[in-house]
Amino acid sequence: MNYVLFAALVLASSDPQIANVTPPQALEGIADQMQTGTLIVGRGDCLAVKFYSASSYTHVAAVVMHEGRALVYDATGGAGVRKQSLGEYLAAQNGHTLHIFQPRKPFTQKAGTRFERHLEAQLGRPYAIHHHLTGKRALGLHCSEYITDALIAAGQLQAREPPRVSPATLVEGILKAEIYEEAARLRVICDPPERPDSGSWCALLWFGTKQCTLGCYLKLRGWFCCK
């Protein structure tokens, strides 16, 4: 593990200048700190979540350690409820600020098993957020509802209406109950593509056009499709 990098990420939790890291650097810095029950709370572009929750927090995912591997579970637009490796998850977080929350007390084996079983049981369900306002259950799940239910199943948290829990209120709840603490903050920034070797005007113009178009597409997709 790169202890220097992780120390920088931890210090960034109290520094307004949040550490900017590439996905490989983020993985190197936090992989060995992952445990079953770790929560990754993101601040991204999704306008729907910002509107419904009135917060800059837009997403939450949970980590399970399985046979030595850190697996990340979340629910998101398009993909629905899914499971990825930590590396895959971080690679998809370009431009997002991530807050890493760790349990103050490691999950017991029983709690960890219940947590993982609940997360696994929901895989494949569609994503939905409209029922956040009503508090009624729906076929789909949104991210904070999914993770709240898993924490309830593990005996770590109580909530009367999990569908109405947002990433922001989940963070508020786990900190107020003093069952979690923030361990690090980082902003994931992918390395920019290399400019073409050819210095011709046409090649540089085409390169710039592609990057501008891709950037606009990804930003709009983040705003309106929450991807």
C-alpha atoms as a PDB file:
ATOM      1  CA  MET A   1       0.000   0.000   0.000  1.00  0.00           C
ATOM      2  CA  ASN A   2       1.152   3.565  -0.686  1.00  0.00           C
ATOM      3  CA  TYR A   3       0.939   5.033   2.844  1.00  0.00           C
ATOM      4  CA  VAL A   4       2.083   8.475   1.684  1.00  0.00           C
ATOM      5  CA  LEU A   5      -0.763   8.703  -0.833  1.00  0.00           C
ATOM      6  CA  PHE A   6      -3.354   7.451   1.658  1.00  0.00           C
ATOM      7  CA  ALA A   7      -2.116   9.948   4.247  1.00  0.00           C
ATOM      8  CA  ALA A   8      -2.601  12.716   1.684  1.00  0.00           C
ATOM      9  CA  LEU A   9      -6.165  11.560   1.074  1.00  0.00           C
ATOM     10  CA  VAL A  10      -6.903  11.459   4.791  1.00  0.00           C
ATOM     11  CA  LEU A  11      -5.510  14.955   5.292  1.00  0.00           C
ATOM     12  CA  ALA A  12      -7.663  16.134   2.395  1.00  0.00           C
ATOM     13  CA  SER A  13     -10.734  15.319   4.489  1.00  0.00           C
ATOM     14  CA  SER A  14     -10.083  18.499   6.489  1.00  0.00           C
ATOM     15  CA  ASP A  15      -8.617  20.525   3.638  1.00  0.00           C
ATOM     16  CA  PRO A  16     -10.798  22.412   1.151  1.00  0.00           C
ATOM     17  CA  GLN A  17      -8.210  21.576  -1.500  1.00  0.00           C
ATOM     18  CA  ILE A  18      -9.358  17.993  -2.061  1.00  0.00           C
ATOM     19  CA  ALA A  19      -6.723  15.667  -3.476  1.00  0.00           C
ATOM     20  CA  ASN A  20      -6.986  15.135  -7.247  1.00  0.00           C
ATOM     21  CA  VAL A  21      -6.020  11.595  -8.209  1.00  0.00           C
ATOM     22  CA  THR A  22      -6.346   9.321 -11.216  1.00  0.00           C
ATOM     23  CA  PRO A  23      -8.352   6.087 -10.825  1.00  0.00           C
ATOM     24  CA  PRO A  24      -5.160   3.962 -10.471  1.00  0.00           C
ATOM     25  CA  GLN A  25      -3.815   6.357  -7.833  1.00  0.00           C
ATOM     26  CA  ALA A  26      -7.125   6.276  -5.974  1.00  0.00           C
ATOM     27  CA  LEU A  27      -7.121   2.473  -6.046  1.00  0.00           C
ATOM     28  CA  GLU A  28      -3.550   2.350  -4.776  1.00  0.00           C
ATOM     29  CA  GLY A  29      -4.315   4.789  -2.005  1.00  0.00           C
ATOM     30  CA  ILE A  30      -7.503   3.271  -0.593  1.00  0.00           C
ATOM     31  CA  ALA A  31      -7.641  -0.406  -1.619  1.00  0.00           C
ATOM     32  CA  ASP A  32      -5.993  -1.740   1.535  1.00  0.00           C
ATOM     33  CA  GLN A  33      -8.253   0.407   3.711  1.00  0.00           C
ATOM     34  CA  MET A  34     -11.457  -1.125   2.361  1.00  0.00           C
ATOM     35  CA  GLN A  35     -13.552  -3.311   4.641  1.00  0.00           C
ATOM     36  CA  THR A  36     -17.028  -4.765   4.560  1.00  0.00           C
ATOM     37  CA  GLY A  37     -19.322  -1.848   5.328  1.00  0.00           C
ATOM     38  CA  THR A  38     -17.166   0.917   3.860  1.00  0.00           C
ATOM     39  CA  LEU A  39     -19.376   3.510   2.163  1.00  0.00           C
ATOM     40  CA  ILE A  40     -18.313   5.595  -0.837  1.00  0.00           C
ATOM     41  CA  VAL A  41     -20.432   8.741  -1.087  1.00  0.00           C
ATOM     42  CA  GLY A  42     -20.072  10.779  -4.256  1.00  0.00           C
ATOM     43  CA  ARG A  43     -20.698  14.324  -5.387  1.00  0.00           C
ATOM     44  CA  GLY A  44     -21.376  14.212  -9.105  1.00  0.00           C
ATOM     45  CA  ASP A  45     -23.564  15.840 -11.760  1.00  0.00           C
ATOM     46  CA  CYS A  46     -26.939  14.083 -11.418  1.00  0.00           C
ATOM     47  CA  LEU A  47     -29.546  16.857 -11.420  1.00  0.00           C
ATOM     48  CA  ALA A  48     -32.420  14.553 -10.455  1.00  0.00           C
ATOM     49  CA  VAL A  49     -30.785  13.494  -7.194  1.00  0.00           C
ATOM     50  CA  LYS A  50     -29.708  17.058  -6.427  1.00  0.00           C
ATOM     51  CA  PHE A  51     -33.289  18.221  -7.004  1.00  0.00           C
ATOM     52  CA  TYR A  52     -34.982  15.465  -4.998  1.00  0.00           C
ATOM     53  CA  SER A  53     -32.503  15.553  -2.104  1.00  0.00           C
ATOM     54  CA  ALA A  54     -31.583  19.274  -2.081  1.00  0.00           C
ATOM     55  CA  SER A  55     -27.950  18.300  -1.577  1.00  0.00           C
ATOM     56  CA  SER A  56     -24.686  18.127  -3.490  1.00  0.00           C
ATOM     57  CA  TYR A  57     -24.302  14.464  -2.513  1.00  0.00           C
ATOM     58  CA  THR A  58     -25.545  12.482  -5.496  1.00  0.00           C
ATOM     59  CA  HIS A  59     -24.586   8.850  -4.957  1.00  0.00           C
ATOM     60  CA  VAL A  60     -23.660   6.224  -2.381  1.00  0.00           C
ATOM     61  CA  ALA A  61     -22.129   2.785  -2.827  1.00  0.00           C
ATOM     62  CA  ALA A  62     -21.129   0.065  -0.368  1.00  0.00           C
ATOM     63  CA  VAL A  63     -18.058  -2.140  -0.191  1.00  0.00           C
ATOM     64  CA  VAL A  64     -17.924  -5.835   0.654  1.00  0.00           C
ATOM     65  CA  MET A  65     -14.678  -7.737   1.052  1.00  0.00           C
ATOM     66  CA  HIS A  66     -15.103 -11.132  -0.593  1.00  0.00           C
ATOM     67  CA  GLU A  67     -12.194 -13.573  -0.754  1.00  0.00           C
ATOM     68  CA  GLY A  68      -9.745 -10.700  -0.410  1.00  0.00           C
ATOM     69  CA  ARG A  69     -11.332  -8.557  -3.130  1.00  0.00           C
ATOM     70  CA  ALA A  70     -13.117  -5.241  -2.590  1.00  0.00           C
ATOM     71  CA  LEU A  71     -16.482  -5.369  -4.376  1.00  0.00           C
ATOM     72  CA  VAL A  72     -18.624  -2.264  -4.768  1.00  0.00           C
ATOM     73  CA  TYR A  73     -22.443  -2.450  -4.822  1.00  0.00           C
ATOM     74  CA  ASP A  74     -24.658   0.393  -5.969  1.00  0.00           C
ATOM     75  CA  ALA A  75     -27.824   1.312  -7.862  1.00  0.00           C
ATOM     76  CA  THR A  76     -27.567   3.725 -10.749  1.00  0.00           C
ATOM     77  CA  GLY A  77     -29.514   4.937 -13.760  1.00  0.00           C
ATOM     78  CA  GLY A  78     -29.285   2.631 -16.753  1.00  0.00           C
ATOM     79  CA  ALA A  79     -27.392  -0.183 -15.028  1.00  0.00           C
ATOM     80  CA  GLY A  80     -29.771  -0.621 -12.095  1.00  0.00           C
ATOM     81  CA  VAL A  81     -28.460  -2.535  -9.066  1.00  0.00           C
ATOM     82  CA  ARG A  82     -24.984  -3.834  -9.845  1.00  0.00           C
ATOM     83  CA  LYS A  83     -21.702  -5.141  -8.471  1.00  0.00           C
ATOM     84  CA  GLN A  84     -18.209  -4.121  -9.644  1.00  0.00           C
ATOM     85  CA  SER A  85     -14.631  -4.404  -8.538  1.00  0.00           C
ATOM     86  CA  LEU A  86     -13.269  -1.366  -6.718  1.00  0.00           C
ATOM     87  CA  GLY A  87     -11.012  -0.608  -9.674  1.00  0.00           C
ATOM     88  CA  GLU A  88     -13.913  -0.691 -12.136  1.00  0.00           C
ATOM     89  CA  TYR A  89     -15.975   1.554  -9.904  1.00  0.00           C
ATOM     90  CA  LEU A  90     -13.247   4.166  -9.497  1.00  0.00           C
ATOM     91  CA  ALA A  91     -12.550   4.191 -13.244  1.00  0.00           C
ATOM     92  CA  ALA A  92     -16.149   5.288 -13.850  1.00  0.00           C
ATOM     93  CA  GLN A  93     -16.015   8.192 -11.359  1.00  0.00           C
ATOM     94  CA  ASN A  94     -14.185  10.728 -13.535  1.00  0.00           C
ATOM     95  CA  GLY A  95     -14.828  14.249 -12.274  1.00  0.00           C
ATOM     96  CA  HIS A  96     -16.583  13.081  -9.117  1.00  0.00           C
ATOM     97  CA  THR A  97     -15.546  13.891  -5.570  1.00  0.00           C
ATOM     98  CA  LEU A  98     -15.670  10.788  -3.369  1.00  0.00           C
ATOM     99  CA  HIS A  99     -16.044  10.732   0.407  1.00  0.00           C
ATOM    100  CA  ILE A 100     -14.896   7.510   2.072  1.00  0.00           C
ATOM    101  CA  PHE A 101     -16.753   6.624   5.274  1.00  0.00           C
ATOM    102  CA  GLN A 102     -15.527   3.781   7.478  1.00  0.00           C
ATOM    103  CA  PRO A 103     -17.412   1.975  10.271  1.00  0.00           C
ATOM    104  CA  ARG A 104     -16.156   3.081  13.682  1.00  0.00           C
ATOM    105  CA  LYS A 105     -16.310  -0.580  14.694  1.00  0.00           C
ATOM    106  CA  PRO A 106     -15.639  -3.268  12.062  1.00  0.00           C
ATOM    107  CA  PHE A 107     -18.674  -5.333  11.160  1.00  0.00           C
ATOM    108  CA  THR A 108     -18.892  -8.662  12.972  1.00  0.00           C
ATOM    109  CA  GLN A 109     -18.847 -11.738  10.778  1.00  0.00           C
ATOM    110  CA  LYS A 110     -22.611 -12.127  11.286  1.00  0.00           C
ATOM    111  CA  ALA A 111     -23.322  -8.502  10.380  1.00  0.00           C
ATOM    112  CA  GLY A 112     -21.021  -8.673   7.366  1.00  0.00           C
ATOM    113  CA  THR A 113     -22.738 -11.816   6.092  1.00  0.00           C
ATOM    114  CA  ARG A 114     -26.190 -10.246   6.418  1.00  0.00           C
ATOM    115  CA  PHE A 115     -24.948  -7.081   4.726  1.00  0.00           C
ATOM    116  CA  GLU A 116     -23.518  -8.994   1.764  1.00  0.00           C
ATOM    117  CA  ARG A 117     -26.535 -11.291   1.423  1.00  0.00           C
ATOM    118  CA  HIS A 118     -28.908  -8.355   1.209  1.00  0.00           C
ATOM    119  CA  LEU A 119     -26.777  -6.555  -1.363  1.00  0.00           C
ATOM    120  CA  GLU A 120     -26.452  -9.713  -3.451  1.00  0.00           C
ATOM    121  CA  ALA A 121     -30.184 -10.447  -3.284  1.00  0.00           C
ATOM    122  CA  GLN A 122     -31.054  -7.130  -4.955  1.00  0.00           C
ATOM    123  CA  LEU A 123     -28.693  -7.417  -7.933  1.00  0.00           C
ATOM    124  CA  GLY A 124     -30.449  -6.853 -11.243  1.00  0.00           C
ATOM    125  CA  ARG A 125     -33.295  -4.710  -9.916  1.00  0.00           C
ATOM    126  CA  PRO A 126     -33.935  -1.538 -11.950  1.00  0.00           C
ATOM    127  CA  TYR A 127     -33.103   1.949 -10.779  1.00  0.00           C
ATOM    128  CA  ALA A 128     -35.891   4.334  -9.734  1.00  0.00           C
ATOM    129  CA  ILE A 129     -35.979   7.595  -7.817  1.00  0.00           C
ATOM    130  CA  HIS A 130     -39.514   9.002  -8.218  1.00  0.00           C
ATOM    131  CA  HIS A 131     -40.766   7.105  -5.138  1.00  0.00           C
ATOM    132  CA  HIS A 132     -38.278   9.033  -2.988  1.00  0.00           C
ATOM    133  CA  LEU A 133     -40.977  11.699  -2.579  1.00  0.00           C
ATOM    134  CA  THR A 134     -43.769   9.323  -1.571  1.00  0.00           C
ATOM    135  CA  GLY A 135     -41.787   6.969   0.651  1.00  0.00           C
ATOM    136  CA  LYS A 136     -43.586   3.997  -0.879  1.00  0.00           C
ATOM    137  CA  ARG A 137     -41.717   0.978  -2.181  1.00  0.00           C
ATOM    138  CA  ALA A 138     -41.373   0.487  -5.927  1.00  0.00           C
ATOM    139  CA  LEU A 139     -40.040  -2.147  -8.285  1.00  0.00           C
ATOM    140  CA  GLY A 140     -36.879  -0.103  -8.655  1.00  0.00           C
ATOM    141  CA  LEU A 141     -34.363   1.066  -6.056  1.00  0.00           C
ATOM    142  CA  HIS A 142     -32.324   4.211  -5.721  1.00  0.00           C
ATOM    143  CA  CYS A 143     -28.802   4.123  -4.334  1.00  0.00           C
ATOM    144  CA  SER A 144     -29.350   5.357  -0.788  1.00  0.00           C
ATOM    145  CA  GLU A 145     -32.472   3.214  -0.350  1.00  0.00           C
ATOM    146  CA  TYR A 146     -30.438   0.157  -1.410  1.00  0.00           C
ATOM    147  CA  ILE A 147     -27.567   0.859   0.982  1.00  0.00           C
ATOM    148  CA  THR A 148     -29.890   1.859   3.850  1.00  0.00           C
ATOM    149  CA  ASP A 149     -31.752  -1.443   3.524  1.00  0.00           C
ATOM    150  CA  ALA A 150     -28.442  -3.318   3.621  1.00  0.00           C
ATOM    151  CA  LEU A 151     -27.348  -1.486   6.773  1.00  0.00           C
ATOM    152  CA  ILE A 152     -30.704  -2.277   8.380  1.00  0.00           C
ATOM    153  CA  ALA A 153     -30.313  -5.943   7.432  1.00  0.00           C
ATOM    154  CA  ALA A 154     -26.874  -5.925   9.068  1.00  0.00           C
ATOM    155  CA  GLY A 155     -28.290  -4.436  12.269  1.00  0.00           C
ATOM    156  CA  GLN A 156     -26.279  -1.238  11.916  1.00  0.00           C
ATOM    157  CA  LEU A 157     -29.037   1.303  11.303  1.00  0.00           C
ATOM    158  CA  GLN A 158     -32.741   1.975  11.668  1.00  0.00           C
ATOM    159  CA  ALA A 159     -34.922   3.967   9.274  1.00  0.00           C
ATOM    160  CA  ARG A 160     -38.698   4.305   9.127  1.00  0.00           C
ATOM    161  CA  GLU A 161     -38.874   5.076   5.395  1.00  0.00           C
ATOM    162  CA  PRO A 162     -35.765   3.890   3.529  1.00  0.00           C
ATOM    163  CA  PRO A 163     -37.132   5.077   0.138  1.00  0.00           C
ATOM    164  CA  ARG A 164     -37.032   8.649   1.462  1.00  0.00           C
ATOM    165  CA  VAL A 165     -33.410   8.416   2.557  1.00  0.00           C
ATOM    166  CA  SER A 166     -31.086  10.411   0.304  1.00  0.00           C
ATOM    167  CA  PRO A 167     -27.289  10.222   0.147  1.00  0.00           C
ATOM    168  CA  ALA A 168     -27.177  13.393   2.266  1.00  0.00           C
ATOM    169  CA  THR A 169     -29.581  12.163   4.955  1.00  0.00           C
ATOM    170  CA  LEU A 170     -27.809   8.795   5.050  1.00  0.00           C
ATOM    171  CA  VAL A 171     -24.513  10.571   5.734  1.00  0.00           C
ATOM    172  CA  GLU A 172     -26.215  12.723   8.356  1.00  0.00           C
ATOM    173  CA  GLY A 173     -27.685   9.640  10.017  1.00  0.00           C
ATOM    174  CA  ILE A 174     -24.512   7.553  10.192  1.00  0.00           C
ATOM    175  CA  LEU A 175     -22.493  10.478  11.549  1.00  0.00           C
ATOM    176  CA  LYS A 176     -25.137  11.530  14.089  1.00  0.00           C
ATOM    177  CA  ALA A 177     -25.397   7.943  15.333  1.00  0.00           C
ATOM    178  CA  GLU A 178     -21.584   7.848  15.508  1.00  0.00           C
ATOM    179  CA  ILE A 179     -21.387   4.518  13.706  1.00  0.00           C
ATOM    180  CA  TYR A 180     -19.256   5.880  10.836  1.00  0.00           C
ATOM    181  CA  GLU A 181     -16.478   8.399  10.403  1.00  0.00           C
ATOM    182  CA  GLU A 182     -15.100  10.081   7.317  1.00  0.00           C
ATOM    183  CA  ALA A 183     -11.685   8.673   6.440  1.00  0.00           C
ATOM    184  CA  ALA A 184     -10.775  10.435   3.189  1.00  0.00           C
ATOM    185  CA  ARG A 185     -11.882  12.679   0.348  1.00  0.00           C
ATOM    186  CA  LEU A 186     -10.588  12.545  -3.187  1.00  0.00           C
ATOM    187  CA  ARG A 187     -11.509  13.838  -6.597  1.00  0.00           C
ATOM    188  CA  VAL A 188     -11.072  11.338  -9.397  1.00  0.00           C
ATOM    189  CA  ILE A 189      -9.640  12.845 -12.565  1.00  0.00           C
ATOM    190  CA  CYS A 190      -8.731  10.633 -15.512  1.00  0.00           C
ATOM    191  CA  ASP A 191      -5.544  11.388 -17.425  1.00  0.00           C
ATOM    192  CA  PRO A 192      -6.291  13.437 -20.563  1.00  0.00           C
ATOM    193  CA  PRO A 193      -5.734  11.650 -23.884  1.00  0.00           C
ATOM    194  CA  GLU A 194      -2.450  12.246 -25.648  1.00  0.00           C
ATOM    195  CA  ARG A 195      -2.442  14.776 -28.450  1.00  0.00           C
ATOM    196  CA  PRO A 196      -1.735  13.290 -31.889  1.00  0.00           C
ATOM    197  CA  ASP A 197       1.893  13.069 -32.951  1.00  0.00           C
ATOM    198  CA  SER A 198       1.025  14.805 -36.187  1.00  0.00           C
ATOM    199  CA  GLY A 199       1.212  18.565 -35.833  1.00  0.00           C
ATOM    200  CA  SER A 200      -1.010  19.229 -38.819  1.00  0.00           C
ATOM    201  CA  TRP A 201      -3.824  21.718 -38.438  1.00  0.00           C
ATOM    202  CA  CYS A 202      -6.415  19.149 -39.513  1.00  0.00           C
ATOM    203  CA  ALA A 203      -5.281  16.489 -37.008  1.00  0.00           C
ATOM    204  CA  LEU A 204      -5.223  18.931 -34.100  1.00  0.00           C
ATOM    205  CA  LEU A 205      -8.631  20.379 -35.018  1.00  0.00           C
ATOM    206  CA  TRP A 206     -10.179  16.914 -35.265  1.00  0.00           C
ATOM    207  CA  PHE A 207      -8.622  15.912 -31.916  1.00  0.00           C
ATOM    208  CA  GLY A 208      -9.943  19.043 -30.225  1.00  0.00           C
ATOM    209  CA  THR A 209     -13.406  18.578 -31.734  1.00  0.00           C
ATOM    210  CA  LYS A 210     -13.632  14.977 -30.547  1.00  0.00           C
ATOM    211  CA  GLN A 211     -12.561  15.865 -27.008  1.00  0.00           C
ATOM    212  CA  CYS A 212     -14.978  18.800 -26.803  1.00  0.00           C
ATOM    213  CA  THR A 213     -17.879  16.715 -28.108  1.00  0.00           C
ATOM    214  CA  LEU A 214     -17.080  13.837 -25.753  1.00  0.00           C
ATOM    215  CA  GLY A 215     -16.799  16.189 -22.786  1.00  0.00           C
ATOM    216  CA  CYS A 216     -20.170  17.782 -23.551  1.00  0.00           C
ATOM    217  CA  TYR A 217     -21.796  14.381 -24.025  1.00  0.00           C
ATOM    218  CA  LEU A 218     -20.461  13.027 -20.716  1.00  0.00           C
ATOM    219  CA  LYS A 219     -21.510  16.158 -18.842  1.00  0.00           C
ATOM    220  CA  LEU A 220     -25.041  16.068 -20.270  1.00  0.00           C
ATOM    221  CA  ARG A 221     -25.291  12.327 -19.608  1.00  0.00           C
ATOM    222  CA  GLY A 222     -24.289  12.968 -16.007  1.00  0.00           C
ATOM    223  CA  TRP A 223     -26.812  15.763 -15.583  1.00  0.00           C
ATOM    224  CA  PHE A 224     -29.847  14.083 -17.091  1.00  0.00           C
ATOM    225  CA  CYS A 225     -29.159  10.314 -17.133  1.00  0.00           C
ATOM    226  CA  CYS A 226     -27.211  10.140 -13.844  1.00  0.00           C
ATOM    227  CA  LYS A 227     -24.512   7.960 -15.418  1.00  0.00           C
END
